PDB file of N, CA and C in Angstrom:
ATOM      1  N   UNK A   1      35.218  64.992 -85.569  1.00  0.00           N
ATOM      2  CA  UNK A   1      35.385  65.501 -84.239  1.00  0.00           C
ATOM      3  C   UNK A   1      35.712  64.329 -83.318  1.00  0.00           C
ATOM      4  N   UNK A   2      36.726  64.485 -82.490  1.00  0.00           N
ATOM      5  CA  UNK A   2      37.096  63.429 -81.558  1.00  0.00           C
ATOM      6  C   UNK A   2      36.744  63.863 -80.142  1.00  0.00           C
ATOM      7  N   UNK A   3      36.402  62.875 -79.368  1.00  0.00           N
ATOM      8  CA  UNK A   3      36.050  63.142 -77.977  1.00  0.00           C
ATOM      9  C   UNK A   3      37.138  62.580 -77.087  1.00  0.00           C
ATOM     10  N   UNK A   4      37.595  63.392 -76.165  1.00  0.00           N
ATOM     11  CA  UNK A   4      38.628  62.945 -75.228  1.00  0.00           C
ATOM     12  C   UNK A   4      37.953  62.279 -74.036  1.00  0.00           C
ATOM     13  N   UNK A   5      38.452  61.117 -73.669  1.00  0.00           N
ATOM     14  CA  UNK A   5      37.928  60.403 -72.506  1.00  0.00           C
ATOM     15  C   UNK A   5      38.923  60.583 -71.373  1.00  0.00           C
ATOM     16  N   UNK A   6      38.444  61.117 -70.270  1.00  0.00           N
ATOM     17  CA  UNK A   6      39.303  61.328 -69.110  1.00  0.00           C
ATOM     18  C   UNK A   6      39.038  60.197 -68.119  1.00  0.00           C
ATOM     19  N   UNK A   7      40.059  59.412 -67.841  1.00  0.00           N
ATOM     20  CA  UNK A   7      39.918  58.323 -66.878  1.00  0.00           C
ATOM     21  C   UNK A   7      40.382  58.803 -65.515  1.00  0.00           C
ATOM     22  N   UNK A   8      39.509  58.692 -64.563  1.00  0.00           N
ATOM     23  CA  UNK A   8      39.868  59.057 -63.200  1.00  0.00           C
ATOM     24  C   UNK A   8      40.324  57.800 -62.477  1.00  0.00           C
ATOM     25  N   UNK A   9      41.292  57.948 -61.573  1.00  0.00           N
ATOM     26  CA  UNK A   9      41.730  56.759 -60.835  1.00  0.00           C
ATOM     27  C   UNK A   9      40.580  56.186 -60.002  1.00  0.00           C
ATOM     28  N   UNK A  10      40.581  54.877 -59.918  1.00  0.00           N
ATOM     29  CA  UNK A  10      39.535  54.206 -59.143  1.00  0.00           C
ATOM     30  C   UNK A  10      39.686  54.535 -57.663  1.00  0.00           C
ATOM     31  N   UNK A  11      38.598  54.462 -56.937  1.00  0.00           N
ATOM     32  CA  UNK A  11      38.643  54.700 -55.498  1.00  0.00           C
ATOM     33  C   UNK A  11      39.365  53.569 -54.785  1.00  0.00           C
ATOM     34  N   UNK A  12      39.606  53.776 -53.518  1.00  0.00           N
ATOM     35  CA  UNK A  12      40.344  52.783 -52.739  1.00  0.00           C
ATOM     36  C   UNK A  12      39.549  52.452 -51.484  1.00  0.00           C
ATOM     37  N   UNK A  13      39.379  51.178 -51.212  1.00  0.00           N
ATOM     38  CA  UNK A  13      38.699  50.726 -50.006  1.00  0.00           C
ATOM     39  C   UNK A  13      39.746  50.252 -49.018  1.00  0.00           C
ATOM     40  N   UNK A  14      39.644  50.738 -47.807  1.00  0.00           N
ATOM     41  CA  UNK A  14      40.596  50.310 -46.771  1.00  0.00           C
ATOM     42  C   UNK A  14      39.852  49.495 -45.727  1.00  0.00           C
ATOM     43  N   UNK A  15      40.445  48.386 -45.327  1.00  0.00           N
ATOM     44  CA  UNK A  15      39.864  47.523 -44.307  1.00  0.00           C
ATOM     45  C   UNK A  15      40.723  47.658 -43.060  1.00  0.00           C
ATOM     46  N   UNK A  16      40.078  47.923 -41.940  1.00  0.00           N
ATOM     47  CA  UNK A  16      40.827  48.146 -40.700  1.00  0.00           C
ATOM     48  C   UNK A  16      41.438  46.852 -40.168  1.00  0.00           C
ATOM     49  N   UNK A  17      42.463  47.016 -39.370  1.00  0.00           N
ATOM     50  CA  UNK A  17      43.135  45.888 -38.705  1.00  0.00           C
ATOM     51  C   UNK A  17      42.133  45.105 -37.870  1.00  0.00           C
ATOM     52  N   UNK A  18      41.299  45.815 -37.143  1.00  0.00           N
ATOM     53  CA  UNK A  18      40.312  45.167 -36.274  1.00  0.00           C
ATOM     54  C   UNK A  18      39.316  44.330 -37.080  1.00  0.00           C
ATOM     55  N   UNK A  19      38.887  44.852 -38.231  1.00  0.00           N
ATOM     56  CA  UNK A  19      37.952  44.109 -39.075  1.00  0.00           C
ATOM     57  C   UNK A  19      38.590  42.826 -39.591  1.00  0.00           C
ATOM     58  N   UNK A  20      39.851  42.907 -40.017  1.00  0.00           N
ATOM     59  CA  UNK A  20      40.560  41.721 -40.501  1.00  0.00           C
ATOM     60  C   UNK A  20      40.677  40.694 -39.373  1.00  0.00           C
ATOM     61  N   UNK A  21      41.000  41.140 -38.167  1.00  0.00           N
ATOM     62  CA  UNK A  21      41.127  40.231 -37.020  1.00  0.00           C
ATOM     63  C   UNK A  21      39.807  39.529 -36.722  1.00  0.00           C
ATOM     64  N   UNK A  22      38.724  40.286 -36.717  1.00  0.00           N
ATOM     65  CA  UNK A  22      37.415  39.691 -36.411  1.00  0.00           C
ATOM     66  C   UNK A  22      36.962  38.712 -37.493  1.00  0.00           C
ATOM     67  N   UNK A  23      37.184  39.071 -38.745  1.00  0.00           N
ATOM     68  CA  UNK A  23      36.781  38.190 -39.842  1.00  0.00           C
ATOM     69  C   UNK A  23      37.599  36.904 -39.820  1.00  0.00           C
ATOM     70  N   UNK A  24      38.894  37.004 -39.562  1.00  0.00           N
ATOM     71  CA  UNK A  24      39.750  35.812 -39.494  1.00  0.00           C
ATOM     72  C   UNK A  24      39.342  34.910 -38.326  1.00  0.00           C
ATOM     73  N   UNK A  25      39.034  35.506 -37.171  1.00  0.00           N
ATOM     74  CA  UNK A  25      38.611  34.713 -36.007  1.00  0.00           C
ATOM     75  C   UNK A  25      37.294  34.007 -36.296  1.00  0.00           C
ATOM     76  N   UNK A  26      36.384  34.697 -36.937  1.00  0.00           N
ATOM     77  CA  UNK A  26      35.088  34.102 -37.284  1.00  0.00           C
ATOM     78  C   UNK A  26      35.275  32.955 -38.275  1.00  0.00           C
ATOM     79  N   UNK A  27      36.158  33.157 -39.252  1.00  0.00           N
ATOM     80  CA  UNK A  27      36.438  32.112 -40.244  1.00  0.00           C
ATOM     81  C   UNK A  27      37.024  30.878 -39.562  1.00  0.00           C
ATOM     82  N   UNK A  28      37.891  31.071 -38.583  1.00  0.00           N
ATOM     83  CA  UNK A  28      38.489  29.943 -37.861  1.00  0.00           C
ATOM     84  C   UNK A  28      37.414  29.145 -37.132  1.00  0.00           C
ATOM     85  N   UNK A  29      36.451  29.842 -36.530  1.00  0.00           N
ATOM     86  CA  UNK A  29      35.385  29.156 -35.793  1.00  0.00           C
ATOM     87  C   UNK A  29      34.434  28.394 -36.708  1.00  0.00           C
ATOM     88  N   UNK A  30      34.498  28.629 -38.018  1.00  0.00           N
ATOM     89  CA  UNK A  30      33.664  27.882 -38.966  1.00  0.00           C
ATOM     90  C   UNK A  30      34.167  26.445 -39.159  1.00  0.00           C
ATOM     91  N   UNK A  31      35.367  26.156 -38.687  1.00  0.00           N
ATOM     92  CA  UNK A  31      35.948  24.819 -38.839  1.00  0.00           C
ATOM     93  C   UNK A  31      35.508  23.936 -37.667  1.00  0.00           C
ATOM     94  N   UNK A  32      34.976  22.758 -37.980  1.00  0.00           N
ATOM     95  CA  UNK A  32      34.607  21.805 -36.928  1.00  0.00           C
ATOM     96  C   UNK A  32      35.858  21.415 -36.158  1.00  0.00           C
ATOM     97  N   UNK A  33      35.776  21.469 -34.848  1.00  0.00           N
ATOM     98  CA  UNK A  33      36.912  21.104 -34.019  1.00  0.00           C
ATOM     99  C   UNK A  33      37.581  22.302 -33.383  1.00  0.00           C
ATOM    100  N   UNK A  34      37.285  23.506 -33.875  1.00  0.00           N
ATOM    101  CA  UNK A  34      37.838  24.719 -33.267  1.00  0.00           C
ATOM    102  C   UNK A  34      36.858  25.180 -32.189  1.00  0.00           C
ATOM    103  N   UNK A  35      37.368  25.364 -30.974  1.00  0.00           N
ATOM    104  CA  UNK A  35      36.541  25.778 -29.846  1.00  0.00           C
ATOM    105  C   UNK A  35      36.434  27.303 -29.797  1.00  0.00           C
ATOM    106  N   UNK A  36      35.540  27.794 -28.947  1.00  0.00           N
ATOM    107  CA  UNK A  36      35.412  29.237 -28.738  1.00  0.00           C
ATOM    108  C   UNK A  36      36.683  29.771 -28.104  1.00  0.00           C
ATOM    109  N   UNK A  37      36.967  31.040 -28.346  1.00  0.00           N
ATOM    110  CA  UNK A  37      38.128  31.668 -27.735  1.00  0.00           C
ATOM    111  C   UNK A  37      39.278  31.891 -28.694  1.00  0.00           C
ATOM    112  N   UNK A  38      39.007  31.873 -29.995  1.00  0.00           N
ATOM    113  CA  UNK A  38      40.044  32.145 -30.997  1.00  0.00           C
ATOM    114  C   UNK A  38      40.441  33.615 -30.885  1.00  0.00           C
ATOM    115  N   UNK A  39      41.752  33.885 -30.858  1.00  0.00           N
ATOM    116  CA  UNK A  39      42.214  35.272 -30.883  1.00  0.00           C
ATOM    117  C   UNK A  39      43.153  35.453 -32.072  1.00  0.00           C
ATOM    118  N   UNK A  40      43.064  36.628 -32.689  1.00  0.00           N
ATOM    119  CA  UNK A  40      43.864  36.917 -33.880  1.00  0.00           C
ATOM    120  C   UNK A  40      44.491  38.295 -33.720  1.00  0.00           C
ATOM    121  N   UNK A  41      45.760  38.390 -34.107  1.00  0.00           N
ATOM    122  CA  UNK A  41      46.444  39.669 -34.182  1.00  0.00           C
ATOM    123  C   UNK A  41      46.869  39.836 -35.633  1.00  0.00           C
ATOM    124  N   UNK A  42      46.516  40.972 -36.230  1.00  0.00           N
ATOM    125  CA  UNK A  42      46.818  41.205 -37.643  1.00  0.00           C
ATOM    126  C   UNK A  42      47.740  42.404 -37.821  1.00  0.00           C
ATOM    127  N   UNK A  43      48.615  42.304 -38.785  1.00  0.00           N
ATOM    128  CA  UNK A  43      49.417  43.427 -39.259  1.00  0.00           C
ATOM    129  C   UNK A  43      49.010  43.649 -40.699  1.00  0.00           C
ATOM    130  N   UNK A  44      48.305  44.754 -40.952  1.00  0.00           N
ATOM    131  CA  UNK A  44      47.792  45.034 -42.288  1.00  0.00           C
ATOM    132  C   UNK A  44      48.611  46.156 -42.907  1.00  0.00           C
ATOM    133  N   UNK A  45      49.147  45.890 -44.094  1.00  0.00           N
ATOM    134  CA  UNK A  45      49.910  46.882 -44.844  1.00  0.00           C
ATOM    135  C   UNK A  45      49.389  46.899 -46.269  1.00  0.00           C
ATOM    136  N   UNK A  46      48.723  47.983 -46.628  1.00  0.00           N
ATOM    137  CA  UNK A  46      48.156  48.062 -47.978  1.00  0.00           C
ATOM    138  C   UNK A  46      47.126  46.978 -48.204  1.00  0.00           C
ATOM    139  N   UNK A  47      47.370  46.145 -49.207  1.00  0.00           N
ATOM    140  CA  UNK A  47      46.429  45.077 -49.561  1.00  0.00           C
ATOM    141  C   UNK A  47      46.869  43.713 -49.053  1.00  0.00           C
ATOM    142  N   UNK A  48      47.780  43.672 -48.075  1.00  0.00           N
ATOM    143  CA  UNK A  48      48.221  42.380 -47.551  1.00  0.00           C
ATOM    144  C   UNK A  48      48.205  42.391 -46.032  1.00  0.00           C
ATOM    145  N   UNK A  49      48.140  41.207 -45.477  1.00  0.00           N
ATOM    146  CA  UNK A  49      48.078  41.063 -44.020  1.00  0.00           C
ATOM    147  C   UNK A  49      48.878  39.853 -43.580  1.00  0.00           C
ATOM    148  N   UNK A  50      49.462  39.974 -42.393  1.00  0.00           N
ATOM    149  CA  UNK A  50      50.119  38.868 -41.716  1.00  0.00           C
ATOM    150  C   UNK A  50      49.300  38.629 -40.456  1.00  0.00           C
ATOM    151  N   UNK A  51      48.886  37.374 -40.234  1.00  0.00           N
ATOM    152  CA  UNK A  51      48.043  37.030 -39.100  1.00  0.00           C
ATOM    153  C   UNK A  51      48.777  36.129 -38.126  1.00  0.00           C
ATOM    154  N   UNK A  52      48.544  36.355 -36.842  1.00  0.00           N
ATOM    155  CA  UNK A  52      48.991  35.473 -35.776  1.00  0.00           C
ATOM    156  C   UNK A  52      47.742  35.052 -35.004  1.00  0.00           C
ATOM    157  N   UNK A  53      47.524  33.739 -34.904  1.00  0.00           N
ATOM    158  CA  UNK A  53      46.286  33.215 -34.344  1.00  0.00           C
ATOM    159  C   UNK A  53      46.561  32.263 -33.193  1.00  0.00           C
ATOM    160  N   UNK A  54      45.784  32.413 -32.121  1.00  0.00           N
ATOM    161  CA  UNK A  54      45.802  31.458 -31.003  1.00  0.00           C
ATOM    162  C   UNK A  54      44.515  30.655 -31.121  1.00  0.00           C
ATOM    163  N   UNK A  55      44.684  29.341 -31.273  1.00  0.00           N
ATOM    164  CA  UNK A  55      43.588  28.470 -31.651  1.00  0.00           C
ATOM    165  C   UNK A  55      43.313  27.407 -30.589  1.00  0.00           C
ATOM    166  N   UNK A  56      42.145  27.439 -29.959  1.00  0.00           N
ATOM    167  CA  UNK A  56      41.765  26.340 -29.061  1.00  0.00           C
ATOM    168  C   UNK A  56      41.105  25.219 -29.877  1.00  0.00           C
ATOM    169  N   UNK A  57      41.518  24.007 -29.648  1.00  0.00           N
ATOM    170  CA  UNK A  57      40.999  22.858 -30.393  1.00  0.00           C
ATOM    171  C   UNK A  57      40.334  21.887 -29.422  1.00  0.00           C
ATOM    172  N   UNK A  58      39.217  21.312 -29.868  1.00  0.00           N
ATOM    173  CA  UNK A  58      38.498  20.354 -29.018  1.00  0.00           C
ATOM    174  C   UNK A  58      39.280  19.050 -28.919  1.00  0.00           C
ATOM    175  N   UNK A  59      39.388  18.555 -27.714  1.00  0.00           N
ATOM    176  CA  UNK A  59      40.062  17.294 -27.437  1.00  0.00           C
ATOM    177  C   UNK A  59      39.069  16.180 -27.695  1.00  0.00           C
ATOM    178  N   UNK A  60      39.404  15.083 -28.265  1.00  0.00           N
ATOM    179  CA  UNK A  60      40.680  14.523 -28.685  1.00  0.00           C
ATOM    180  C   UNK A  60      40.902  14.592 -30.192  1.00  0.00           C
ATOM    181  N   UNK A  61      40.441  15.632 -30.853  1.00  0.00           N
ATOM    182  CA  UNK A  61      40.584  15.735 -32.305  1.00  0.00           C
ATOM    183  C   UNK A  61      42.047  15.915 -32.701  1.00  0.00           C
ATOM    184  N   UNK A  62      42.415  15.517 -33.924  1.00  0.00           N
ATOM    185  CA  UNK A  62      43.811  15.613 -34.378  1.00  0.00           C
ATOM    186  C   UNK A  62      44.224  17.074 -34.618  1.00  0.00           C
ATOM    187  N   UNK A  63      45.181  17.533 -33.852  1.00  0.00           N
ATOM    188  CA  UNK A  63      45.610  18.930 -33.865  1.00  0.00           C
ATOM    189  C   UNK A  63      46.107  19.358 -35.242  1.00  0.00           C
ATOM    190  N   UNK A  64      46.974  18.592 -35.845  1.00  0.00           N
ATOM    191  CA  UNK A  64      47.556  18.969 -37.130  1.00  0.00           C
ATOM    192  C   UNK A  64      46.492  19.104 -38.214  1.00  0.00           C
ATOM    193  N   UNK A  65      45.572  18.173 -38.279  1.00  0.00           N
ATOM    194  CA  UNK A  65      44.517  18.222 -39.299  1.00  0.00           C
ATOM    195  C   UNK A  65      43.628  19.451 -39.124  1.00  0.00           C
ATOM    196  N   UNK A  66      43.229  19.729 -37.883  1.00  0.00           N
ATOM    197  CA  UNK A  66      42.368  20.884 -37.607  1.00  0.00           C
ATOM    198  C   UNK A  66      43.109  22.181 -37.930  1.00  0.00           C
ATOM    199  N   UNK A  67      44.371  22.274 -37.537  1.00  0.00           N
ATOM    200  CA  UNK A  67      45.162  23.486 -37.787  1.00  0.00           C
ATOM    201  C   UNK A  67      45.343  23.730 -39.282  1.00  0.00           C
ATOM    202  N   UNK A  68      45.602  22.689 -40.058  1.00  0.00           N
ATOM    203  CA  UNK A  68      45.787  22.847 -41.502  1.00  0.00           C
ATOM    204  C   UNK A  68      44.478  23.228 -42.197  1.00  0.00           C
ATOM    205  N   UNK A  69      43.371  22.605 -41.790  1.00  0.00           N
ATOM    206  CA  UNK A  69      42.065  22.975 -42.350  1.00  0.00           C
ATOM    207  C   UNK A  69      41.761  24.433 -42.028  1.00  0.00           C
ATOM    208  N   UNK A  70      42.063  24.821 -40.808  1.00  0.00           N
ATOM    209  CA  UNK A  70      41.831  26.184 -40.359  1.00  0.00           C
ATOM    210  C   UNK A  70      42.691  27.163 -41.166  1.00  0.00           C
ATOM    211  N   UNK A  71      43.963  26.850 -41.353  1.00  0.00           N
ATOM    212  CA  UNK A  71      44.873  27.722 -42.105  1.00  0.00           C
ATOM    213  C   UNK A  71      44.340  27.967 -43.527  1.00  0.00           C
ATOM    214  N   UNK A  72      43.993  26.898 -44.218  1.00  0.00           N
ATOM    215  CA  UNK A  72      43.492  27.009 -45.590  1.00  0.00           C
ATOM    216  C   UNK A  72      42.212  27.837 -45.645  1.00  0.00           C
ATOM    217  N   UNK A  73      41.290  27.544 -44.739  1.00  0.00           N
ATOM    218  CA  UNK A  73      39.996  28.225 -44.732  1.00  0.00           C
ATOM    219  C   UNK A  73      40.132  29.704 -44.364  1.00  0.00           C
ATOM    220  N   UNK A  74      40.923  30.009 -43.352  1.00  0.00           N
ATOM    221  CA  UNK A  74      41.072  31.401 -42.896  1.00  0.00           C
ATOM    222  C   UNK A  74      41.717  32.255 -43.984  1.00  0.00           C
ATOM    223  N   UNK A  75      42.754  31.748 -44.630  1.00  0.00           N
ATOM    224  CA  UNK A  75      43.421  32.510 -45.692  1.00  0.00           C
ATOM    225  C   UNK A  75      42.433  32.789 -46.828  1.00  0.00           C
ATOM    226  N   UNK A  76      41.706  31.777 -47.246  1.00  0.00           N
ATOM    227  CA  UNK A  76      40.752  31.923 -48.339  1.00  0.00           C
ATOM    228  C   UNK A  76      39.598  32.851 -47.960  1.00  0.00           C
ATOM    229  N   UNK A  77      38.987  32.595 -46.824  1.00  0.00           N
ATOM    230  CA  UNK A  77      37.788  33.335 -46.403  1.00  0.00           C
ATOM    231  C   UNK A  77      38.103  34.794 -46.090  1.00  0.00           C
ATOM    232  N   UNK A  78      39.223  35.044 -45.438  1.00  0.00           N
ATOM    233  CA  UNK A  78      39.601  36.418 -45.107  1.00  0.00           C
ATOM    234  C   UNK A  78      39.848  37.217 -46.386  1.00  0.00           C
ATOM    235  N   UNK A  79      40.532  36.613 -47.332  1.00  0.00           N
ATOM    236  CA  UNK A  79      40.754  37.280 -48.609  1.00  0.00           C
ATOM    237  C   UNK A  79      39.466  37.542 -49.355  1.00  0.00           C
ATOM    238  N   UNK A  80      38.578  36.570 -49.330  1.00  0.00           N
ATOM    239  CA  UNK A  80      37.289  36.680 -50.018  1.00  0.00           C
ATOM    240  C   UNK A  80      36.442  37.815 -49.437  1.00  0.00           C
ATOM    241  N   UNK A  81      36.406  37.931 -48.112  1.00  0.00           N
ATOM    242  CA  UNK A  81      35.532  38.911 -47.471  1.00  0.00           C
ATOM    243  C   UNK A  81      36.136  40.305 -47.350  1.00  0.00           C
ATOM    244  N   UNK A  82      37.460  40.414 -47.354  1.00  0.00           N
ATOM    245  CA  UNK A  82      38.090  41.719 -47.145  1.00  0.00           C
ATOM    246  C   UNK A  82      38.802  42.261 -48.368  1.00  0.00           C
ATOM    247  N   UNK A  83      39.181  41.401 -49.299  1.00  0.00           N
ATOM    248  CA  UNK A  83      39.980  41.834 -50.433  1.00  0.00           C
ATOM    249  C   UNK A  83      41.452  41.966 -50.083  1.00  0.00           C
ATOM    250  N   UNK A  84      41.812  41.583 -48.865  1.00  0.00           N
ATOM    251  CA  UNK A  84      43.193  41.641 -48.386  1.00  0.00           C
ATOM    252  C   UNK A  84      43.826  40.267 -48.584  1.00  0.00           C
ATOM    253  N   UNK A  85      45.031  40.229 -49.105  1.00  0.00           N
ATOM    254  CA  UNK A  85      45.743  38.971 -49.295  1.00  0.00           C
ATOM    255  C   UNK A  85      46.484  38.619 -48.010  1.00  0.00           C
ATOM    256  N   UNK A  86      46.198  37.449 -47.470  1.00  0.00           N
ATOM    257  CA  UNK A  86      46.903  36.981 -46.281  1.00  0.00           C
ATOM    258  C   UNK A  86      48.195  36.326 -46.757  1.00  0.00           C
ATOM    259  N   UNK A  87      49.329  36.969 -46.437  1.00  0.00           N
ATOM    260  CA  UNK A  87      50.622  36.472 -46.904  1.00  0.00           C
ATOM    261  C   UNK A  87      51.249  35.479 -45.938  1.00  0.00           C
ATOM    262  N   UNK A  88      50.843  35.525 -44.676  1.00  0.00           N
ATOM    263  CA  UNK A  88      51.359  34.579 -43.681  1.00  0.00           C
ATOM    264  C   UNK A  88      50.329  34.416 -42.577  1.00  0.00           C
ATOM    265  N   UNK A  89      50.233  33.200 -42.062  1.00  0.00           N
ATOM    266  CA  UNK A  89      49.339  32.904 -40.945  1.00  0.00           C
ATOM    267  C   UNK A  89      50.072  31.978 -39.992  1.00  0.00           C
ATOM    268  N   UNK A  90      50.437  32.502 -38.829  1.00  0.00           N
ATOM    269  CA  UNK A  90      51.083  31.700 -37.790  1.00  0.00           C
ATOM    270  C   UNK A  90      50.008  31.246 -36.818  1.00  0.00           C
ATOM    271  N   UNK A  91      49.971  29.942 -36.550  1.00  0.00           N
ATOM    272  CA  UNK A  91      48.968  29.386 -35.643  1.00  0.00           C
ATOM    273  C   UNK A  91      49.666  28.799 -34.434  1.00  0.00           C
ATOM    274  N   UNK A  92      49.216  29.219 -33.255  1.00  0.00           N
ATOM    275  CA  UNK A  92      49.659  28.622 -31.998  1.00  0.00           C
ATOM    276  C   UNK A  92      48.448  27.928 -31.390  1.00  0.00           C
ATOM    277  N   UNK A  93      48.637  26.679 -30.981  1.00  0.00           N
ATOM    278  CA  UNK A  93      47.542  25.963 -30.330  1.00  0.00           C
ATOM    279  C   UNK A  93      47.475  26.462 -28.897  1.00  0.00           C
ATOM    280  N   UNK A  94      46.404  27.181 -28.571  1.00  0.00           N
ATOM    281  CA  UNK A  94      46.268  27.828 -27.277  1.00  0.00           C
ATOM    282  C   UNK A  94      45.780  26.868 -26.198  1.00  0.00           C
ATOM    283  N   UNK A  95      44.951  25.898 -26.588  1.00  0.00           N
ATOM    284  CA  UNK A  95      44.382  24.991 -25.593  1.00  0.00           C
ATOM    285  C   UNK A  95      43.769  23.784 -26.290  1.00  0.00           C
ATOM    286  N   UNK A  96      43.690  22.715 -25.530  1.00  0.00           N
ATOM    287  CA  UNK A  96      42.914  21.556 -25.934  1.00  0.00           C
ATOM    288  C   UNK A  96      41.700  21.568 -25.017  1.00  0.00           C
ATOM    289  N   UNK A  97      40.530  21.777 -25.575  1.00  0.00           N
ATOM    290  CA  UNK A  97      39.317  21.987 -24.798  1.00  0.00           C
ATOM    291  C   UNK A  97      38.545  20.677 -24.693  1.00  0.00           C
ATOM    292  N   UNK A  98      38.290  20.264 -23.467  1.00  0.00           N
ATOM    293  CA  UNK A  98      37.519  19.054 -23.209  1.00  0.00           C
ATOM    294  C   UNK A  98      36.118  19.472 -22.811  1.00  0.00           C
ATOM    295  N   UNK A  99      35.123  18.958 -23.523  1.00  0.00           N
ATOM    296  CA  UNK A  99      33.748  19.253 -23.158  1.00  0.00           C
ATOM    297  C   UNK A  99      33.364  18.379 -21.973  1.00  0.00           C
ATOM    298  N   UNK A 100      32.783  19.007 -20.971  1.00  0.00           N
ATOM    299  CA  UNK A 100      32.376  18.246 -19.793  1.00  0.00           C
ATOM    300  C   UNK A 100      31.118  17.443 -20.120  1.00  0.00           C
ATOM    301  N   UNK A 101      30.843  16.441 -19.323  1.00  0.00           N
ATOM    302  CA  UNK A 101      29.672  15.593 -19.525  1.00  0.00           C
ATOM    303  C   UNK A 101      28.416  16.425 -19.377  1.00  0.00           C
ATOM    304  N   UNK A 102      28.374  17.341 -18.404  1.00  0.00           N
ATOM    305  CA  UNK A 102      27.178  18.144 -18.190  1.00  0.00           C
ATOM    306  C   UNK A 102      26.949  19.117 -19.346  1.00  0.00           C
ATOM    307  N   UNK A 103      28.018  19.666 -19.926  1.00  0.00           N
ATOM    308  CA  UNK A 103      27.870  20.576 -21.060  1.00  0.00           C
ATOM    309  C   UNK A 103      27.386  19.818 -22.290  1.00  0.00           C
ATOM    310  N   UNK A 104      27.874  18.605 -22.462  1.00  0.00           N
ATOM    311  CA  UNK A 104      27.506  17.811 -23.631  1.00  0.00           C
ATOM    312  C   UNK A 104      26.062  17.329 -23.549  1.00  0.00           C
ATOM    313  N   UNK A 105      25.595  16.974 -22.352  1.00  0.00           N
ATOM    314  CA  UNK A 105      24.240  16.458 -22.197  1.00  0.00           C
ATOM    315  C   UNK A 105      23.239  17.525 -21.811  1.00  0.00           C
ATOM    316  N   UNK A 106      23.727  18.652 -21.297  1.00  0.00           N
ATOM    317  CA  UNK A 106      22.839  19.725 -20.900  1.00  0.00           C
ATOM    318  C   UNK A 106      22.302  19.556 -19.485  1.00  0.00           C
ATOM    319  N   UNK A 107      22.682  18.516 -18.782  1.00  0.00           N
ATOM    320  CA  UNK A 107      22.205  18.332 -17.413  1.00  0.00           C
ATOM    321  C   UNK A 107      23.253  18.781 -16.432  1.00  0.00           C
ATOM    322  N   UNK A 108      22.848  19.075 -15.233  1.00  0.00           N
ATOM    323  CA  UNK A 108      23.776  19.517 -14.204  1.00  0.00           C
ATOM    324  C   UNK A 108      24.313  18.371 -13.373  1.00  0.00           C
ATOM    325  N   UNK A 109      23.928  17.121 -13.671  1.00  0.00           N
ATOM    326  CA  UNK A 109      24.368  15.967 -12.881  1.00  0.00           C
ATOM    327  C   UNK A 109      25.797  15.589 -13.213  1.00  0.00           C
ATOM    328  N   UNK A 110      26.488  15.121 -12.201  1.00  0.00           N
ATOM    329  CA  UNK A 110      27.854  14.624 -12.398  1.00  0.00           C
ATOM    330  C   UNK A 110      27.848  13.104 -12.280  1.00  0.00           C
ATOM    331  N   UNK A 111      28.698  12.477 -13.015  1.00  0.00           N
ATOM    332  CA  UNK A 111      28.822  11.030 -12.950  1.00  0.00           C
ATOM    333  C   UNK A 111      29.706  10.691 -11.771  1.00  0.00           C
ATOM    334  N   UNK A 112      29.262   9.740 -10.941  1.00  0.00           N
ATOM    335  CA  UNK A 112      30.057   9.332  -9.783  1.00  0.00           C
ATOM    336  C   UNK A 112      30.462   7.908  -9.901  1.00  0.00           C
TER     337      UNK A 112
END
């Protein structure tokens, strides 16, 4: 007697555009030198995504090095957490952020 095995197609998990954008922005902020205010716009089609990112970088850190570290990390981390393959990531440097003396020291005094 033989038994027939019926294979059902596996389920499908869909990740929203907004979730991909938030995860990519969070991944970018994990890089030392990236300031608050990262914005991401994603185009998600099936299992792939194209990202456009506006990246504020702390001054006087090297822009190219920070952007490349960010690109590598965001592509890897976004894929790891969402299962979506990032096929392209365009980065625009949105700002060079200078920390003020009072923010760095925590005091409200200004140097004169």
